PDB file of N, CA and C in Angstrom:
ATOM      1  N   MET A   1      80.963  59.140 133.894  1.00  0.00           N
ATOM      2  CA  MET A   1      79.810  60.013 134.174  1.00  0.00           C
ATOM      3  C   MET A   1      79.600  60.751 132.750  1.00  0.00           C
ATOM      4  N   VAL A   2      77.938  60.908 132.665  1.00  0.00           N
ATOM      5  CA  VAL A   2      77.644  61.485 131.653  1.00  0.00           C
ATOM      6  C   VAL A   2      77.881  63.025 131.600  1.00  0.00           C
ATOM      7  N   GLN A   3      78.417  63.414 130.434  1.00  0.00           N
ATOM      8  CA  GLN A   3      78.721  64.978 130.588  1.00  0.00           C
ATOM      9  C   GLN A   3      76.943  65.379 130.174  1.00  0.00           C
ATOM     10  N   LYS A   4      77.180  66.788 130.633  1.00  0.00           N
ATOM     11  CA  LYS A   4      76.140  67.501 130.496  1.00  0.00           C
ATOM     12  C   LYS A   4      75.559  67.743 128.965  1.00  0.00           C
ATOM     13  N   SER A   5      76.499  67.868 128.031  1.00  0.00           N
ATOM     14  CA  SER A   5      75.836  67.906 126.402  1.00  0.00           C
ATOM     15  C   SER A   5      75.341  66.351 126.151  1.00  0.00           C
ATOM     16  N   GLU A   6      76.054  65.583 126.548  1.00  0.00           N
ATOM     17  CA  GLU A   6      75.308  64.265 126.098  1.00  0.00           C
ATOM     18  C   GLU A   6      74.284  63.872 126.932  1.00  0.00           C
ATOM     19  N   GLN A   7      74.008  64.566 128.062  1.00  0.00           N
ATOM     20  CA  GLN A   7      72.356  64.149 128.731  1.00  0.00           C
ATOM     21  C   GLN A   7      71.448  64.876 127.990  1.00  0.00           C
ATOM     22  N   LYS A   8      71.851  66.170 127.316  1.00  0.00           N
ATOM     23  CA  LYS A   8      71.001  67.241 126.552  1.00  0.00           C
ATOM     24  C   LYS A   8      70.543  66.349 125.584  1.00  0.00           C
ATOM     25  N   THR A   9      71.686  65.879 125.037  1.00  0.00           N
ATOM     26  CA  THR A   9      71.171  65.118 123.480  1.00  0.00           C
ATOM     27  C   THR A   9      70.338  63.855 123.714  1.00  0.00           C
ATOM     28  N   TRP A  10      70.436  63.292 124.618  1.00  0.00           N
ATOM     29  CA  TRP A  10      69.599  62.244 125.151  1.00  0.00           C
ATOM     30  C   TRP A  10      68.026  62.490 125.576  1.00  0.00           C
ATOM     31  N   THR A  11      68.136  63.859 126.285  1.00  0.00           N
ATOM     32  CA  THR A  11      66.808  64.284 126.664  1.00  0.00           C
ATOM     33  C   THR A  11      66.017  64.866 125.402  1.00  0.00           C
ATOM     34  N   LYS A  12      66.726  65.476 124.388  1.00  0.00           N
ATOM     35  CA  LYS A  12      66.040  65.871 123.177  1.00  0.00           C
ATOM     36  C   LYS A  12      65.769  64.530 122.290  1.00  0.00           C
ATOM     37  N   ILE A  13      66.549  63.409 122.436  1.00  0.00           N
ATOM     38  CA  ILE A  13      66.161  62.251 121.337  1.00  0.00           C
ATOM     39  C   ILE A  13      64.887  61.604 122.138  1.00  0.00           C
ATOM     40  N   ILE A  14      64.734  61.612 123.517  1.00  0.00           N
ATOM     41  CA  ILE A  14      63.738  61.110 124.181  1.00  0.00           C
ATOM     42  C   ILE A  14      62.695  61.700 123.944  1.00  0.00           C
ATOM     43  N   MET A  15      62.711  63.046 123.912  1.00  0.00           N
ATOM     44  CA  MET A  15      61.688  64.230 123.591  1.00  0.00           C
ATOM     45  C   MET A  15      60.970  64.060 122.509  1.00  0.00           C
ATOM     46  N   ALA A  16      61.944  63.919 121.316  1.00  0.00           N
ATOM     47  CA  ALA A  16      61.730  63.694 119.999  1.00  0.00           C
ATOM     48  C   ALA A  16      60.828  62.237 119.748  1.00  0.00           C
ATOM     49  N   LEU A  17      61.285  61.519 120.440  1.00  0.00           N
ATOM     50  CA  LEU A  17      60.505  60.150 120.445  1.00  0.00           C
ATOM     51  C   LEU A  17      58.929  60.343 120.948  1.00  0.00           C
ATOM     52  N   TYR A  18      58.888  61.273 122.419  1.00  0.00           N
ATOM     53  CA  TYR A  18      57.512  61.456 122.556  1.00  0.00           C
ATOM     54  C   TYR A  18      56.692  62.016 121.650  1.00  0.00           C
ATOM     55  N   LEU A  19      57.471  63.161 121.187  1.00  0.00           N
ATOM     56  CA  LEU A  19      56.823  64.113 120.242  1.00  0.00           C
ATOM     57  C   LEU A  19      56.333  63.384 119.233  1.00  0.00           C
ATOM     58  N   LEU A  20      56.889  62.600 118.278  1.00  0.00           N
ATOM     59  CA  LEU A  20      56.369  61.651 117.207  1.00  0.00           C
ATOM     60  C   LEU A  20      55.198  60.560 117.646  1.00  0.00           C
ATOM     61  N   THR A  21      55.383  60.086 118.642  1.00  0.00           N
ATOM     62  CA  THR A  21      54.729  59.008 119.447  1.00  0.00           C
ATOM     63  C   THR A  21      53.246  59.693 119.328  1.00  0.00           C
ATOM     64  N   PHE A  22      53.308  60.968 119.974  1.00  0.00           N
ATOM     65  CA  PHE A  22      52.180  61.644 120.319  1.00  0.00           C
ATOM     66  C   PHE A  22      51.332  61.991 119.082  1.00  0.00           C
ATOM     67  N   LEU A  23      52.154  62.418 117.991  1.00  0.00           N
ATOM     68  CA  LEU A  23      51.592  62.668 116.741  1.00  0.00           C
ATOM     69  C   LEU A  23      51.012  61.599 115.806  1.00  0.00           C
ATOM     70  N   ALA A  24      51.660  60.426 116.245  1.00  0.00           N
ATOM     71  CA  ALA A  24      51.090  59.422 115.485  1.00  0.00           C
ATOM     72  C   ALA A  24      49.853  58.987 115.810  1.00  0.00           C
ATOM     73  N   LYS A  25      49.418  59.716 117.111  1.00  0.00           N
ATOM     74  CA  LYS A  25      47.924  59.370 117.444  1.00  0.00           C
ATOM     75  C   LYS A  25      46.956  60.604 116.839  1.00  0.00           C
ATOM     76  N   GLY A  26      47.825  61.715 116.372  1.00  0.00           N
ATOM     77  CA  GLY A  26      46.823  62.710 116.063  1.00  0.00           C
ATOM     78  C   GLY A  26      47.551  64.238 116.202  1.00  0.00           C
ATOM     79  N   PRO A  27      47.070  64.874 115.413  1.00  0.00           N
ATOM     80  CA  PRO A  27      47.724  66.428 115.484  1.00  0.00           C
ATOM     81  C   PRO A  27      47.451  66.876 117.162  1.00  0.00           C
ATOM     82  N   ALA A  28      48.491  67.579 117.190  1.00  0.00           N
ATOM     83  CA  ALA A  28      48.598  68.524 118.517  1.00  0.00           C
ATOM     84  C   ALA A  28      49.489  69.536 118.525  1.00  0.00           C
ATOM     85  N   TYR A  29      49.252  70.595 119.512  1.00  0.00           N
ATOM     86  CA  TYR A  29      50.066  71.759 119.523  1.00  0.00           C
ATOM     87  C   TYR A  29      51.211  71.555 120.600  1.00  0.00           C
ATOM     88  N   GLY A  30      52.201  72.341 120.630  1.00  0.00           N
ATOM     89  CA  GLY A  30      53.206  72.245 121.332  1.00  0.00           C
ATOM     90  C   GLY A  30      52.993  72.002 122.981  1.00  0.00           C
ATOM     91  N   ASN A  31      52.226  73.246 123.410  1.00  0.00           N
ATOM     92  CA  ASN A  31      51.927  73.217 124.866  1.00  0.00           C
ATOM     93  C   ASN A  31      51.399  71.941 125.108  1.00  0.00           C
ATOM     94  N   LYS A  32      50.522  71.206 124.650  1.00  0.00           N
ATOM     95  CA  LYS A  32      49.581  70.077 124.914  1.00  0.00           C
ATOM     96  C   LYS A  32      50.754  68.924 124.853  1.00  0.00           C
ATOM     97  N   MET A  33      51.585  68.924 123.956  1.00  0.00           N
ATOM     98  CA  MET A  33      52.741  67.689 123.884  1.00  0.00           C
ATOM     99  C   MET A  33      53.449  67.920 125.296  1.00  0.00           C
ATOM    100  N   ALA A  34      54.078  69.142 125.317  1.00  0.00           N
ATOM    101  CA  ALA A  34      54.810  69.539 126.409  1.00  0.00           C
ATOM    102  C   ALA A  34      54.199  69.088 127.805  1.00  0.00           C
ATOM    103  N   GLU A  35      52.854  69.422 128.118  1.00  0.00           N
ATOM    104  CA  GLU A  35      52.099  68.914 129.188  1.00  0.00           C
ATOM    105  C   GLU A  35      52.220  67.449 129.569  1.00  0.00           C
ATOM    106  N   GLU A  36      51.855  66.747 128.415  1.00  0.00           N
ATOM    107  CA  GLU A  36      51.634  65.231 128.413  1.00  0.00           C
ATOM    108  C   GLU A  36      53.030  64.749 128.653  1.00  0.00           C
ATOM    109  N   ILE A  37      54.312  65.258 128.161  1.00  0.00           N
ATOM    110  CA  ILE A  37      55.527  64.636 128.323  1.00  0.00           C
ATOM    111  C   ILE A  37      55.476  64.855 129.856  1.00  0.00           C
ATOM    112  N   LYS A  38      55.345  65.970 130.526  1.00  0.00           N
ATOM    113  CA  LYS A  38      55.606  66.153 131.853  1.00  0.00           C
ATOM    114  C   LYS A  38      54.941  65.195 132.739  1.00  0.00           C
ATOM    115  N   ARG A  39      53.637  65.010 132.056  1.00  0.00           N
ATOM    116  CA  ARG A  39      52.811  64.345 133.159  1.00  0.00           C
ATOM    117  C   ARG A  39      53.046  63.021 133.319  1.00  0.00           C
ATOM    118  N   ARG A  40      53.496  62.313 131.796  1.00  0.00           N
ATOM    119  CA  ARG A  40      53.733  60.765 131.568  1.00  0.00           C
ATOM    120  C   ARG A  40      55.220  60.499 132.254  1.00  0.00           C
ATOM    121  N   THR A  41      55.954  61.463 132.418  1.00  0.00           N
ATOM    122  CA  THR A  41      57.371  61.179 133.122  1.00  0.00           C
ATOM    123  C   THR A  41      57.314  61.860 134.275  1.00  0.00           C
ATOM    124  N   GLN A  42      56.256  62.245 134.810  1.00  0.00           N
ATOM    125  CA  GLN A  42      56.254  62.590 136.452  1.00  0.00           C
ATOM    126  C   GLN A  42      57.002  63.615 136.774  1.00  0.00           C
ATOM    127  N   GLY A  43      57.181  64.340 135.613  1.00  0.00           N
ATOM    128  CA  GLY A  43      58.277  65.563 135.759  1.00  0.00           C
ATOM    129  C   GLY A  43      59.556  65.445 135.676  1.00  0.00           C
ATOM    130  N   ALA A  44      59.985  64.328 135.273  1.00  0.00           N
ATOM    131  CA  ALA A  44      61.316  63.960 135.191  1.00  0.00           C
ATOM    132  C   ALA A  44      61.796  64.409 133.831  1.00  0.00           C
ATOM    133  N   ILE A  45      60.930  64.755 132.774  1.00  0.00           N
ATOM    134  CA  ILE A  45      61.229  65.723 131.664  1.00  0.00           C
ATOM    135  C   ILE A  45      60.261  66.885 131.632  1.00  0.00           C
ATOM    136  N   THR A  46      60.419  67.863 131.760  1.00  0.00           N
ATOM    137  CA  THR A  46      59.682  69.080 131.881  1.00  0.00           C
ATOM    138  C   THR A  46      59.968  69.993 130.729  1.00  0.00           C
ATOM    139  N   PRO A  47      59.540  69.890 129.353  1.00  0.00           N
ATOM    140  CA  PRO A  47      59.751  70.366 128.385  1.00  0.00           C
ATOM    141  C   PRO A  47      59.854  72.186 128.377  1.00  0.00           C
ATOM    142  N   ASN A  48      60.846  72.504 128.315  1.00  0.00           N
ATOM    143  CA  ASN A  48      60.919  74.273 128.175  1.00  0.00           C
ATOM    144  C   ASN A  48      60.717  74.369 126.864  1.00  0.00           C
ATOM    145  N   PRO A  49      59.600  75.681 126.788  1.00  0.00           N
ATOM    146  CA  PRO A  49      59.212  76.130 125.594  1.00  0.00           C
ATOM    147  C   PRO A  49      60.607  76.517 124.738  1.00  0.00           C
ATOM    148  N   ASN A  50      61.802  76.914 125.368  1.00  0.00           N
ATOM    149  CA  ASN A  50      63.033  77.464 124.770  1.00  0.00           C
ATOM    150  C   ASN A  50      63.680  76.265 123.869  1.00  0.00           C
ATOM    151  N   ALA A  51      63.463  74.689 124.427  1.00  0.00           N
ATOM    152  CA  ALA A  51      64.176  73.777 124.023  1.00  0.00           C
ATOM    153  C   ALA A  51      63.062  73.122 123.060  1.00  0.00           C
ATOM    154  N   LEU A  52      61.725  73.216 123.436  1.00  0.00           N
ATOM    155  CA  LEU A  52      60.604  72.350 122.792  1.00  0.00           C
ATOM    156  C   LEU A  52      60.411  72.591 121.184  1.00  0.00           C
ATOM    157  N   TYR A  53      60.210  74.065 121.346  1.00  0.00           N
ATOM    158  CA  TYR A  53      59.826  74.609 120.015  1.00  0.00           C
ATOM    159  C   TYR A  53      61.115  74.361 118.713  1.00  0.00           C
ATOM    160  N   PRO A  54      62.389  74.738 119.251  1.00  0.00           N
ATOM    161  CA  PRO A  54      63.548  74.813 118.378  1.00  0.00           C
ATOM    162  C   PRO A  54      63.383  73.313 117.935  1.00  0.00           C
ATOM    163  N   LEU A  55      63.177  72.327 118.820  1.00  0.00           N
ATOM    164  CA  LEU A  55      63.310  70.692 118.326  1.00  0.00           C
ATOM    165  C   LEU A  55      62.136  70.630 117.337  1.00  0.00           C
ATOM    166  N   LEU A  56      60.956  71.083 117.662  1.00  0.00           N
ATOM    167  CA  LEU A  56      59.713  71.051 116.827  1.00  0.00           C
ATOM    168  C   LEU A  56      60.179  71.569 115.286  1.00  0.00           C
ATOM    169  N   ARG A  57      60.905  72.668 115.546  1.00  0.00           N
ATOM    170  CA  ARG A  57      61.212  73.360 114.021  1.00  0.00           C
ATOM    171  C   ARG A  57      62.406  72.338 113.125  1.00  0.00           C
ATOM    172  N   ILE A  58      63.273  71.873 113.983  1.00  0.00           N
ATOM    173  CA  ILE A  58      64.426  71.076 113.623  1.00  0.00           C
ATOM    174  C   ILE A  58      63.496  69.771 112.918  1.00  0.00           C
ATOM    175  N   MET A  59      62.726  68.980 113.526  1.00  0.00           N
ATOM    176  CA  MET A  59      61.607  68.054 113.094  1.00  0.00           C
ATOM    177  C   MET A  59      60.914  68.608 111.722  1.00  0.00           C
ATOM    178  N   GLU A  60      60.714  69.603 111.887  1.00  0.00           N
ATOM    179  CA  GLU A  60      59.844  70.167 110.533  1.00  0.00           C
ATOM    180  C   GLU A  60      60.825  70.308 109.410  1.00  0.00           C
ATOM    181  N   GLU A  61      61.801  71.057 109.639  1.00  0.00           N
ATOM    182  CA  GLU A  61      63.131  70.986 108.732  1.00  0.00           C
ATOM    183  C   GLU A  61      63.497  69.771 108.098  1.00  0.00           C
ATOM    184  N   ARG A  62      63.477  68.680 109.043  1.00  0.00           N
ATOM    185  CA  ARG A  62      63.644  67.267 108.534  1.00  0.00           C
ATOM    186  C   ARG A  62      62.483  66.682 107.820  1.00  0.00           C
ATOM    187  N   SER A  63      61.527  66.882 107.966  1.00  0.00           N
ATOM    188  CA  SER A  63      60.499  66.513 107.408  1.00  0.00           C
ATOM    189  C   SER A  63      59.554  65.482 108.126  1.00  0.00           C
ATOM    190  N   TYR A  64      60.050  65.546 109.601  1.00  0.00           N
ATOM    191  CA  TYR A  64      59.474  64.503 110.353  1.00  0.00           C
ATOM    192  C   TYR A  64      57.899  64.738 110.963  1.00  0.00           C
ATOM    193  N   VAL A  65      57.520  66.333 110.926  1.00  0.00           N
ATOM    194  CA  VAL A  65      56.638  66.843 111.303  1.00  0.00           C
ATOM    195  C   VAL A  65      56.009  68.027 110.306  1.00  0.00           C
ATOM    196  N   VAL A  66      54.783  68.434 110.296  1.00  0.00           N
ATOM    197  CA  VAL A  66      54.558  69.684 109.620  1.00  0.00           C
ATOM    198  C   VAL A  66      53.762  70.314 110.732  1.00  0.00           C
ATOM    199  N   GLY A  67      53.690  71.838 110.435  1.00  0.00           N
ATOM    200  CA  GLY A  67      53.049  72.507 111.482  1.00  0.00           C
ATOM    201  C   GLY A  67      52.069  73.702 110.648  1.00  0.00           C
ATOM    202  N   HIS A  68      51.002  73.991 111.355  1.00  0.00           N
ATOM    203  CA  HIS A  68      50.226  75.054 110.552  1.00  0.00           C
ATOM    204  C   HIS A  68      49.441  75.878 111.576  1.00  0.00           C
ATOM    205  N   TRP A  69      49.405  77.143 111.395  1.00  0.00           N
ATOM    206  CA  TRP A  69      48.828  77.816 112.495  1.00  0.00           C
ATOM    207  C   TRP A  69      47.181  77.746 112.518  1.00  0.00           C
ATOM    208  N   GLU A  70      46.792  77.340 113.628  1.00  0.00           N
ATOM    209  CA  GLU A  70      45.270  77.080 113.769  1.00  0.00           C
ATOM    210  C   GLU A  70      44.263  78.449 113.369  1.00  0.00           C
ATOM    211  N   ASP A  71      44.853  79.649 113.172  1.00  0.00           N
ATOM    212  CA  ASP A  71      44.159  80.577 112.573  1.00  0.00           C
ATOM    213  C   ASP A  71      45.323  81.439 111.739  1.00  0.00           C
ATOM    214  N   ASN A  72      45.165  81.284 110.346  1.00  0.00           N
ATOM    215  CA  ASN A  72      46.158  81.732 109.540  1.00  0.00           C
ATOM    216  C   ASN A  72      46.519  83.372 109.728  1.00  0.00           C
ATOM    217  N   ASP A  73      45.309  84.249 110.099  1.00  0.00           N
ATOM    218  CA  ASP A  73      45.241  85.515 109.957  1.00  0.00           C
ATOM    219  C   ASP A  73      46.249  85.939 111.494  1.00  0.00           C
ATOM    220  N   LYS A  74      46.326  85.110 112.503  1.00  0.00           N
ATOM    221  CA  LYS A  74      47.281  85.357 113.589  1.00  0.00           C
ATOM    222  C   LYS A  74      47.942  84.331 114.071  1.00  0.00           C
ATOM    223  N   ARG A  75      49.277  84.370 114.463  1.00  0.00           N
ATOM    224  CA  ARG A  75      50.336  83.374 115.192  1.00  0.00           C
ATOM    225  C   ARG A  75      49.270  82.882 116.599  1.00  0.00           C
ATOM    226  N   SER A  76      48.192  82.211 116.606  1.00  0.00           N
ATOM    227  CA  SER A  76      47.962  81.523 117.612  1.00  0.00           C
ATOM    228  C   SER A  76      48.219  80.148 118.163  1.00  0.00           C
ATOM    229  N   LYS A  77      47.964  79.165 117.751  1.00  0.00           N
ATOM    230  CA  LYS A  77      48.490  78.110 118.178  1.00  0.00           C
ATOM    231  C   LYS A  77      48.950  77.238 116.838  1.00  0.00           C
ATOM    232  N   ARG A  78      50.137  76.700 116.983  1.00  0.00           N
ATOM    233  CA  ARG A  78      50.725  76.142 115.841  1.00  0.00           C
ATOM    234  C   ARG A  78      50.424  74.318 116.052  1.00  0.00           C
ATOM    235  N   ILE A  79      49.371  73.744 115.089  1.00  0.00           N
ATOM    236  CA  ILE A  79      49.181  72.581 115.176  1.00  0.00           C
ATOM    237  C   ILE A  79      50.364  71.618 114.333  1.00  0.00           C
ATOM    238  N   TYR A  80      50.635  70.512 114.989  1.00  0.00           N
ATOM    239  CA  TYR A  80      51.648  69.627 114.377  1.00  0.00           C
ATOM    240  C   TYR A  80      51.106  68.541 113.865  1.00  0.00           C
ATOM    241  N   SER A  81      51.455  67.876 112.886  1.00  0.00           N
ATOM    242  CA  SER A  81      50.798  66.683 112.650  1.00  0.00           C
ATOM    243  C   SER A  81      52.341  65.687 111.916  1.00  0.00           C
ATOM    244  N   ILE A  82      52.234  64.436 112.114  1.00  0.00           N
ATOM    245  CA  ILE A  82      53.440  63.828 111.865  1.00  0.00           C
ATOM    246  C   ILE A  82      53.187  63.411 110.211  1.00  0.00           C
ATOM    247  N   THR A  83      54.511  63.539 109.710  1.00  0.00           N
ATOM    248  CA  THR A  83      54.772  62.761 108.127  1.00  0.00           C
ATOM    249  C   THR A  83      54.987  61.210 108.269  1.00  0.00           C
ATOM    250  N   GLU A  84      54.800  61.036 106.706  1.00  0.00           N
ATOM    251  CA  GLU A  84      55.127  59.516 106.764  1.00  0.00           C
ATOM    252  C   GLU A  84      56.757  59.133 106.980  1.00  0.00           C
ATOM    253  N   GLN A  85      57.437  60.435 106.919  1.00  0.00           N
ATOM    254  CA  GLN A  85      58.948  60.233 107.211  1.00  0.00           C
ATOM    255  C   GLN A  85      59.034  60.341 108.410  1.00  0.00           C
ATOM    256  N   GLY A  86      58.281  60.869 109.311  1.00  0.00           N
ATOM    257  CA  GLY A  86      58.336  60.936 110.760  1.00  0.00           C
ATOM    258  C   GLY A  86      57.843  59.522 111.492  1.00  0.00           C
ATOM    259  N   ARG A  87      56.676  58.957 111.009  1.00  0.00           N
ATOM    260  CA  ARG A  87      56.537  57.695 111.148  1.00  0.00           C
ATOM    261  C   ARG A  87      57.703  56.715 110.878  1.00  0.00           C
ATOM    262  N   ALA A  88      58.139  56.770 109.884  1.00  0.00           N
ATOM    263  CA  ALA A  88      59.389  55.946 109.451  1.00  0.00           C
ATOM    264  C   ALA A  88      60.628  55.895 110.463  1.00  0.00           C
ATOM    265  N   TYR A  89      60.528  57.364 110.877  1.00  0.00           N
ATOM    266  CA  TYR A  89      61.652  57.446 111.959  1.00  0.00           C
ATOM    267  C   TYR A  89      61.499  56.759 113.275  1.00  0.00           C
ATOM    268  N   ILE A  90      60.508  56.623 113.782  1.00  0.00           N
ATOM    269  CA  ILE A  90      60.191  56.258 115.148  1.00  0.00           C
ATOM    270  C   ILE A  90      60.892  54.855 115.561  1.00  0.00           C
ATOM    271  N   PRO A  91      60.741  53.826 114.593  1.00  0.00           N
ATOM    272  CA  PRO A  91      61.356  52.888 114.965  1.00  0.00           C
ATOM    273  C   PRO A  91      63.196  52.931 115.137  1.00  0.00           C
ATOM    274  N   GLU A  92      63.898  53.732 114.559  1.00  0.00           N
ATOM    275  CA  GLU A  92      65.022  53.935 114.575  1.00  0.00           C
ATOM    276  C   GLU A  92      65.231  54.763 116.012  1.00  0.00           C
ATOM    277  N   LEU A  93      64.302  55.559 116.384  1.00  0.00           N
ATOM    278  CA  LEU A  93      64.510  56.348 117.668  1.00  0.00           C
ATOM    279  C   LEU A  93      64.368  55.673 118.865  1.00  0.00           C
ATOM    280  N   VAL A  94      63.324  54.446 118.523  1.00  0.00           N
ATOM    281  CA  VAL A  94      62.860  53.514 119.483  1.00  0.00           C
ATOM    282  C   VAL A  94      64.229  52.629 119.819  1.00  0.00           C
ATOM    283  N   LYS A  95      64.914  52.178 118.830  1.00  0.00           N
ATOM    284  CA  LYS A  95      66.208  51.535 118.846  1.00  0.00           C
ATOM    285  C   LYS A  95      67.239  51.918 119.658  1.00  0.00           C
ATOM    286  N   LYS A  96      67.538  53.300 119.523  1.00  0.00           N
ATOM    287  CA  LYS A  96      68.433  54.213 120.085  1.00  0.00           C
ATOM    288  C   LYS A  96      68.321  54.326 121.840  1.00  0.00           C
ATOM    289  N   VAL A  97      66.753  54.621 122.047  1.00  0.00           N
ATOM    290  CA  VAL A  97      66.328  54.897 123.259  1.00  0.00           C
ATOM    291  C   VAL A  97      66.341  53.694 124.247  1.00  0.00           C
ATOM    292  N   THR A  98      66.115  52.572 123.289  1.00  0.00           N
ATOM    293  CA  THR A  98      66.072  51.074 124.058  1.00  0.00           C
ATOM    294  C   THR A  98      67.381  50.562 124.458  1.00  0.00           C
ATOM    295  N   ALA A  99      68.446  51.202 123.694  1.00  0.00           N
ATOM    296  CA  ALA A  99      69.752  50.733 123.847  1.00  0.00           C
ATOM    297  C   ALA A  99      70.485  51.454 125.185  1.00  0.00           C
ATOM    298  N   ARG A 100      70.052  52.907 124.722  1.00  0.00           N
ATOM    299  CA  ARG A 100      70.794  53.512 125.993  1.00  0.00           C
ATOM    300  C   ARG A 100      70.074  53.247 127.210  1.00  0.00           C
ATOM    301  N   LEU A 101      68.249  52.952 127.303  1.00  0.00           N
ATOM    302  CA  LEU A 101      67.819  52.683 128.446  1.00  0.00           C
ATOM    303  C   LEU A 101      68.692  51.289 129.111  1.00  0.00           C
ATOM    304  N   ASN A 102      68.717  50.471 128.239  1.00  0.00           N
ATOM    305  CA  ASN A 102      69.432  49.233 128.655  1.00  0.00           C
ATOM    306  C   ASN A 102      70.923  49.235 129.306  1.00  0.00           C
ATOM    307  N   GLU A 103      71.690  50.231 128.696  1.00  0.00           N
ATOM    308  CA  GLU A 103      72.911  50.787 129.364  1.00  0.00           C
ATOM    309  C   GLU A 103      72.495  51.173 130.767  1.00  0.00           C
ATOM    310  N   VAL A 104      71.793  52.241 130.947  1.00  0.00           N
ATOM    311  CA  VAL A 104      71.433  52.562 132.206  1.00  0.00           C
ATOM    312  C   VAL A 104      70.966  51.728 133.038  1.00  0.00           C
ATOM    313  N   GLU A 105      69.863  50.736 132.666  1.00  0.00           N
ATOM    314  CA  GLU A 105      69.732  49.870 133.712  1.00  0.00           C
ATOM    315  C   GLU A 105      70.778  48.763 134.021  1.00  0.00           C
ATOM    316  N   ARG A 106      71.815  48.480 132.978  1.00  0.00           N
ATOM    317  CA  ARG A 106      72.863  47.932 133.607  1.00  0.00           C
ATOM    318  C   ARG A 106      73.566  48.275 134.824  1.00  0.00           C
ATOM    319  N   ASN A 107      73.835  49.874 134.243  1.00  0.00           N
ATOM    320  CA  ASN A 107      74.788  50.281 135.447  1.00  0.00           C
ATOM    321  C   ASN A 107      74.024  50.251 136.735  1.00  0.00           C
ATOM    322  N   ILE A 108      72.682  50.641 136.799  1.00  0.00           N
ATOM    323  CA  ILE A 108      71.865  50.555 137.993  1.00  0.00           C
ATOM    324  C   ILE A 108      71.946  49.391 138.656  1.00  0.00           C
ATOM    325  N   GLN A 109      72.081  48.381 137.984  1.00  0.00           N
ATOM    326  CA  GLN A 109      72.212  47.114 138.547  1.00  0.00           C
ATOM    327  C   GLN A 109      73.559  46.969 139.289  1.00  0.00           C
ATOM    328  N   ILE A 110      74.558  47.134 138.566  1.00  0.00           N
ATOM    329  CA  ILE A 110      75.939  47.051 138.863  1.00  0.00           C
ATOM    330  C   ILE A 110      75.953  47.933 140.477  1.00  0.00           C
ATOM    331  N   ILE A 111      75.429  49.479 140.603  1.00  0.00           N
ATOM    332  CA  ILE A 111      75.345  50.001 141.639  1.00  0.00           C
ATOM    333  C   ILE A 111      74.415  49.405 142.646  1.00  0.00           C
ATOM    334  N   ARG A 112      73.360  48.782 142.463  1.00  0.00           N
ATOM    335  CA  ARG A 112      72.535  48.051 143.347  1.00  0.00           C
ATOM    336  C   ARG A 112      73.353  46.924 143.810  1.00  0.00           C
ATOM    337  N   ASN A 113      73.786  46.067 143.206  1.00  0.00           N
ATOM    338  CA  ASN A 113      74.767  45.012 143.656  1.00  0.00           C
ATOM    339  C   ASN A 113      75.888  45.224 144.483  1.00  0.00           C
ATOM    340  N   ASP A 114      76.807  46.409 144.420  1.00  0.00           N
ATOM    341  CA  ASP A 114      77.725  47.029 144.774  1.00  0.00           C
ATOM    342  C   ASP A 114      77.640  47.523 146.025  1.00  0.00           C
ATOM    343  N   LEU A 115      76.510  48.431 146.371  1.00  0.00           N
ATOM    344  CA  LEU A 115      76.283  49.139 147.450  1.00  0.00           C
ATOM    345  C   LEU A 115      74.885  48.958 147.951  1.00  0.00           C
ATOM    346  N   LEU A 116      73.992  48.137 147.638  1.00  0.00           N
ATOM    347  CA  LEU A 116      72.601  47.877 148.391  1.00  0.00           C
ATOM    348  C   LEU A 116      72.562  46.418 148.770  1.00  0.00           C
TER     349      LEU A 116
END
């Protein structure tokens, strides 16, 4: 059984991959990316601002993204862009997520074969 902390870790990894993939197409702000993740996953992942923005800050600290305020005089919207380091990190995340999804698919197939 997957521990809650492990599930949170995988949700963050998948969310980071979504964020970097979106930003690879062009700059965006956090709420826009959160809405897009929710839409694309049909609500399976609904990014909470209390998780999304700390993740974006971590990604900024690791130089995967850069952010700037849309209006420097006030804290309106923070626009994020991917860095070259962020682009280089995408294949590593894809590899991790692919391995995990393959494992989940194998487990689902076992359950289907056993029970359905």
